[in-house]
Amino acid sequence: MGAPDLSLVIPVHNEAGNIGPLLAEIDRAFQDENYELVIVDDKSADSSVEEVLAHQRSQPRLRLLQHSQRAGKSRALTTAFAAARGRWVLTLDGDGQNPPEDLARLWRASASATPDRIVAGVRQRRNDGAVKWLTSRTANFVRRRLLRDDCRDTGCGVKLMPAEFARSLPYFDNMHRFFPALARRAGLDVLEEPIGDRPRQFGVSKYGFFDRAAVAFLDTVGVYWLIRRHSDPGSVVEETPDQPDGRPIN
């Protein structure tokens, strides 16, 4: 069948009850697209893997990768990026809160785009508790002031990126919160698209106050350092005696 145009990647940890219905929704929303679905299970302790395997029997485009020990969402994403075969990757959380039809709309609007941008989802009508909402708003404010990435909702799990860029990202824990800032660091444009946000049906959020506030602040300082220390060599050419003007290196 050849390489797919799109790799839809989903990190999963203890999403039993959510992941099965989400996969069925993805099948319907993307049925006319040339895509693959890459799920990375980050050592779930519930029946998430069983739900994915049950769906895989009828969906050959679904690939399941498993971590032997829990490593976190960012590591699950880098595992998926390394395995992805599509030209683009589209990330989605496994909790089912973002409707797949919104992702399909985003993809169809961007499928012909040149690989010099990423598209970041912005959640509409967010279904968060008071503590989660407050800490998220505070973290977003501090991040925007320090990194100047102008992203309104970096915590949204929906990001569409060129696969080559995704594989080039420097790994660190919680890197997934900084995709827009890292994209700007690499010279890519960042576009934003509205994405629906539904209540979680099963399970609980994997992040508490400490994860969303104190750790996020320290990570923001680290990304600020990465941006400040970044240098761009411009174009690179290889020169030879027979071709003194140089040959571009891709």
Protein backbone atom coordinates (compact mmCIF):
# COMPACT_ATOMS: atom_id res chain seq x y z
CA MET A 1 0.00 0.00 0.00
CA GLY A 2 3.00 2.32 0.31
CA ALA A 3 3.73 4.84 3.01
CA PRO A 4 0.70 6.59 4.51
CA ASP A 5 0.25 10.34 4.26
CA LEU A 6 -0.55 10.59 7.96
CA SER A 7 0.43 8.80 11.15
CA LEU A 8 -2.12 9.34 13.90
CA VAL A 9 -0.26 8.76 17.18
CA ILE A 10 -1.86 8.19 20.58
CA PRO A 11 0.01 7.74 23.88
CA VAL A 12 -2.04 5.64 26.30
CA HIS A 13 -1.82 5.00 30.02
CA ASN A 14 -4.80 3.48 31.87
CA GLU A 15 -7.52 4.57 29.44
CA ALA A 16 -9.76 1.50 29.65
CA GLY A 17 -13.31 2.41 28.62
CA ASN A 18 -12.11 5.45 26.69
CA ILE A 19 -9.70 4.01 24.13
CA GLY A 20 -12.05 1.45 22.56
CA PRO A 21 -14.83 3.94 21.65
CA LEU A 22 -12.19 6.47 20.56
CA LEU A 23 -10.72 4.01 18.05
CA ALA A 24 -14.17 3.34 16.58
CA GLU A 25 -14.70 7.10 16.17
CA ILE A 26 -11.33 7.45 14.44
CA ASP A 27 -12.25 4.69 11.98
CA ARG A 28 -15.38 6.59 10.98
CA ALA A 29 -13.78 10.04 10.83
CA PHE A 30 -10.72 8.95 8.80
CA GLN A 31 -12.21 6.19 6.66
CA ASP A 32 -11.39 7.97 3.38
CA GLU A 33 -7.84 8.95 4.38
CA ASN A 34 -4.49 7.28 3.71
CA TYR A 35 -3.35 6.94 7.30
CA GLU A 36 -1.95 4.62 9.93
CA LEU A 37 -2.70 4.61 13.64
CA VAL A 38 0.22 4.19 16.07
CA ILE A 39 -0.66 3.59 19.72
CA VAL A 40 2.03 3.49 22.39
CA ASP A 41 0.90 1.95 25.65
CA ASP A 42 2.94 3.34 28.53
CA LYS A 43 2.69 0.32 30.87
CA SER A 44 -1.07 0.48 31.54
CA ALA A 45 -2.27 -1.44 34.58
CA ASP A 46 -5.86 -1.79 33.36
CA SER A 47 -7.45 -3.36 30.26
CA SER A 48 -6.34 -0.64 27.80
CA VAL A 49 -4.11 -3.05 25.86
CA GLU A 50 -6.88 -5.63 25.58
CA GLU A 51 -9.24 -2.98 24.14
CA VAL A 52 -6.65 -1.97 21.55
CA LEU A 53 -5.89 -5.58 20.58
CA ALA A 54 -9.59 -6.33 20.18
CA HIS A 55 -9.91 -3.40 17.79
CA GLN A 56 -6.71 -4.33 15.94
CA ARG A 57 -8.26 -7.60 14.75
CA SER A 58 -10.54 -5.65 12.39
CA GLN A 59 -8.27 -2.67 11.69
CA PRO A 60 -4.99 -3.58 9.94
CA ARG A 61 -3.84 0.07 9.96
CA LEU A 62 -3.57 -0.03 13.75
CA ARG A 63 -0.13 -0.63 15.26
CA LEU A 64 0.40 -1.17 19.00
CA LEU A 65 3.74 -0.53 20.70
CA GLN A 66 4.26 -1.23 24.41
CA HIS A 67 6.73 0.15 26.93
CA SER A 68 8.02 -2.47 29.36
CA GLN A 69 8.02 0.17 32.11
CA ARG A 70 6.23 3.47 32.51
CA ALA A 71 8.19 6.36 30.98
CA GLY A 72 5.66 9.19 30.61
CA LYS A 73 3.69 10.83 27.83
CA SER A 74 6.61 12.58 26.15
CA ARG A 75 8.62 9.36 25.88
CA ALA A 76 5.55 7.55 24.49
CA LEU A 77 5.27 10.24 21.83
CA THR A 78 8.94 9.98 20.84
CA THR A 79 8.51 6.20 20.59
CA ALA A 80 5.58 6.78 18.22
CA PHE A 81 7.44 9.41 16.20
CA ALA A 82 10.35 7.02 15.65
CA ALA A 83 7.99 4.29 14.43
CA ALA A 84 5.70 6.50 12.31
CA ARG A 85 5.76 5.92 8.55
CA GLY A 86 3.64 8.90 7.48
CA ARG A 87 4.88 12.25 6.15
CA TRP A 88 2.87 13.98 8.86
CA VAL A 89 2.10 13.01 12.45
CA LEU A 90 -1.06 14.01 14.27
CA THR A 91 -1.04 13.58 18.05
CA LEU A 92 -4.13 12.83 20.13
CA ASP A 93 -4.66 11.94 23.78
CA GLY A 94 -6.27 8.58 24.53
CA ASP A 95 -8.93 9.94 26.90
CA GLY A 96 -11.48 10.60 24.13
CA GLN A 97 -12.04 14.23 25.09
CA ASN A 98 -11.16 15.64 21.66
CA PRO A 99 -13.60 14.54 18.89
CA PRO A 100 -11.91 12.68 16.00
CA GLU A 101 -14.14 14.45 13.48
CA ASP A 102 -12.44 17.70 14.50
CA LEU A 103 -9.04 16.10 13.86
CA ALA A 104 -10.18 14.87 10.45
CA ARG A 105 -11.33 18.39 9.59
CA LEU A 106 -7.97 19.80 10.71
CA TRP A 107 -6.09 17.21 8.65
CA ARG A 108 -8.12 17.78 5.47
CA ALA A 109 -7.56 21.51 5.73
CA SER A 110 -3.80 21.02 6.13
CA ALA A 111 -3.00 17.91 4.06
CA SER A 112 -1.63 19.89 1.12
CA ALA A 113 0.43 22.27 3.27
CA THR A 114 4.17 22.54 2.86
CA PRO A 115 6.19 21.08 5.78
CA ASP A 116 7.16 24.44 7.22
CA ARG A 117 4.50 24.64 9.93
CA ILE A 118 2.72 22.85 12.70
CA VAL A 119 -0.96 23.14 13.59
CA ALA A 120 -1.87 23.32 17.28
CA GLY A 121 -5.35 22.55 18.56
CA VAL A 122 -7.09 25.03 20.86
CA ARG A 123 -9.75 23.45 23.05
CA GLN A 124 -13.21 25.03 22.94
CA ARG A 125 -15.64 24.81 25.88
CA ARG A 126 -13.05 23.07 28.05
CA ASN A 127 -14.36 20.53 30.56
CA ASP A 128 -11.80 21.02 33.34
CA GLY A 129 -12.17 21.26 37.09
CA ALA A 130 -11.37 24.52 38.88
CA VAL A 131 -7.84 23.53 39.98
CA LYS A 132 -6.90 22.15 36.56
CA TRP A 133 -8.31 25.25 34.82
CA LEU A 134 -6.48 27.68 37.14
CA THR A 135 -3.11 25.95 36.98
CA SER A 136 -3.38 25.59 33.20
CA ARG A 137 -4.19 29.28 32.77
CA THR A 138 -1.29 30.26 35.02
CA ALA A 139 1.17 27.97 33.24
CA ASN A 140 0.06 29.24 29.83
CA PHE A 141 0.50 32.86 30.96
CA VAL A 142 4.03 32.28 32.31
CA ARG A 143 5.04 30.25 29.25
CA ARG A 144 3.79 32.88 26.77
CA ARG A 145 5.59 35.69 28.60
CA LEU A 146 8.86 33.79 28.82
CA LEU A 147 8.94 31.88 25.52
CA ARG A 148 6.86 34.26 23.38
CA ASP A 149 5.37 31.35 21.45
CA ASP A 150 1.92 33.04 21.25
CA CYS A 151 0.21 29.66 21.71
CA ARG A 152 -3.12 29.93 23.52
CA ASP A 153 -3.45 26.29 24.61
CA THR A 154 -0.18 24.38 24.55
CA GLY A 155 -1.72 21.74 26.87
CA CYS A 156 -4.07 20.54 24.13
CA GLY A 157 -2.97 17.09 22.99
CA VAL A 158 -3.79 17.76 19.32
CA LYS A 159 -0.75 18.74 17.23
CA LEU A 160 -0.17 18.20 13.50
CA MET A 161 3.53 18.22 12.58
CA PRO A 162 5.84 17.17 9.77
CA ALA A 163 7.18 13.77 10.76
CA GLU A 164 10.76 14.82 10.06
CA PHE A 165 10.42 17.70 12.52
CA ALA A 166 8.78 15.47 15.14
CA ARG A 167 11.70 13.04 15.01
CA SER A 168 14.22 15.89 15.36
CA LEU A 169 12.75 17.19 18.64
CA PRO A 170 15.10 17.16 21.65
CA TYR A 171 13.66 14.74 24.20
CA PHE A 172 13.04 15.72 27.80
CA ASP A 173 10.26 14.83 30.19
CA ASN A 174 7.15 16.96 29.51
CA MET A 175 8.47 18.12 26.13
CA HIS A 176 4.98 17.62 24.70
CA ARG A 177 3.87 20.86 26.36
CA PHE A 178 6.36 22.86 24.29
CA PHE A 179 5.86 21.72 20.70
CA PRO A 180 4.87 25.24 19.46
CA ALA A 181 7.88 26.91 21.10
CA LEU A 182 10.23 24.23 19.74
CA ALA A 183 8.66 24.62 16.29
CA ARG A 184 9.35 28.36 16.30
CA ARG A 185 12.89 27.61 17.45
CA ALA A 186 13.28 25.45 14.32
CA GLY A 187 11.89 28.20 12.06
CA LEU A 188 8.43 26.70 11.54
CA ASP A 189 5.19 28.67 11.60
CA VAL A 190 2.56 27.79 14.21
CA LEU A 191 -1.10 27.85 13.23
CA GLU A 192 -4.00 27.25 15.61
CA GLU A 193 -7.31 25.49 15.00
CA PRO A 194 -10.32 25.14 17.33
CA ILE A 195 -10.88 21.63 18.69
CA GLY A 196 -13.85 20.38 20.70
CA ASP A 197 -13.37 19.24 24.29
CA ARG A 198 -15.71 16.69 25.87
CA PRO A 199 -15.99 15.39 29.43
CA ARG A 200 -13.86 12.37 30.26
CA GLN A 201 -16.07 9.27 30.49
CA PHE A 202 -13.78 6.91 32.42
CA GLY A 203 -10.69 7.17 34.59
CA VAL A 204 -8.98 10.28 35.92
CA SER A 205 -6.52 12.87 34.63
CA LYS A 206 -2.86 11.83 34.93
CA TYR A 207 -1.74 15.27 36.14
CA GLY A 208 -2.09 16.98 39.48
CA PHE A 209 -1.25 20.47 40.69
CA PHE A 210 2.49 19.81 41.03
CA ASP A 211 2.73 18.44 37.48
CA ARG A 212 0.89 21.40 36.02
CA ALA A 213 2.48 24.22 37.97
CA ALA A 214 5.87 23.72 39.63
CA VAL A 215 7.29 21.17 37.16
CA ALA A 216 5.85 23.08 34.20
CA PHE A 217 7.61 26.25 35.36
CA LEU A 218 10.98 24.50 35.63
CA ASP A 219 10.50 22.97 32.17
CA THR A 220 9.65 26.41 30.76
CA VAL A 221 12.93 27.77 32.08
CA GLY A 222 14.73 24.85 30.43
CA VAL A 223 13.06 25.47 27.07
CA TYR A 224 13.89 29.17 27.36
CA TRP A 225 17.55 28.14 27.70
CA LEU A 226 17.28 25.87 24.63
CA ILE A 227 15.84 28.70 22.56
CA ARG A 228 18.46 31.19 23.72
CA ARG A 229 21.29 28.77 22.90
CA HIS A 230 19.96 27.81 19.46
CA SER A 231 21.91 28.78 16.32
CA ASP A 232 20.88 28.46 12.67
CA PRO A 233 23.62 27.72 10.08
CA GLY A 234 21.38 28.72 7.17
CA SER A 235 21.87 26.66 4.02
CA VAL A 236 24.67 24.08 3.94
CA VAL A 237 26.64 23.21 0.79
CA GLU A 238 29.35 20.67 0.10
CA GLU A 239 32.20 22.04 -2.04
CA THR A 240 34.52 20.00 -4.25
CA PRO A 241 37.33 20.95 -6.67
CA ASP A 242 35.05 20.19 -9.62
CA GLN A 243 32.15 22.13 -8.15
CA PRO A 244 33.57 25.14 -6.27
CA ASP A 245 30.17 26.80 -5.92
CA GLY A 246 29.03 23.93 -3.76
CA ARG A 247 26.22 21.41 -3.77
CA PRO A 248 23.25 21.74 -1.37
CA ILE A 249 23.07 19.08 1.33
CA ASN A 250 19.52 17.94 2.04
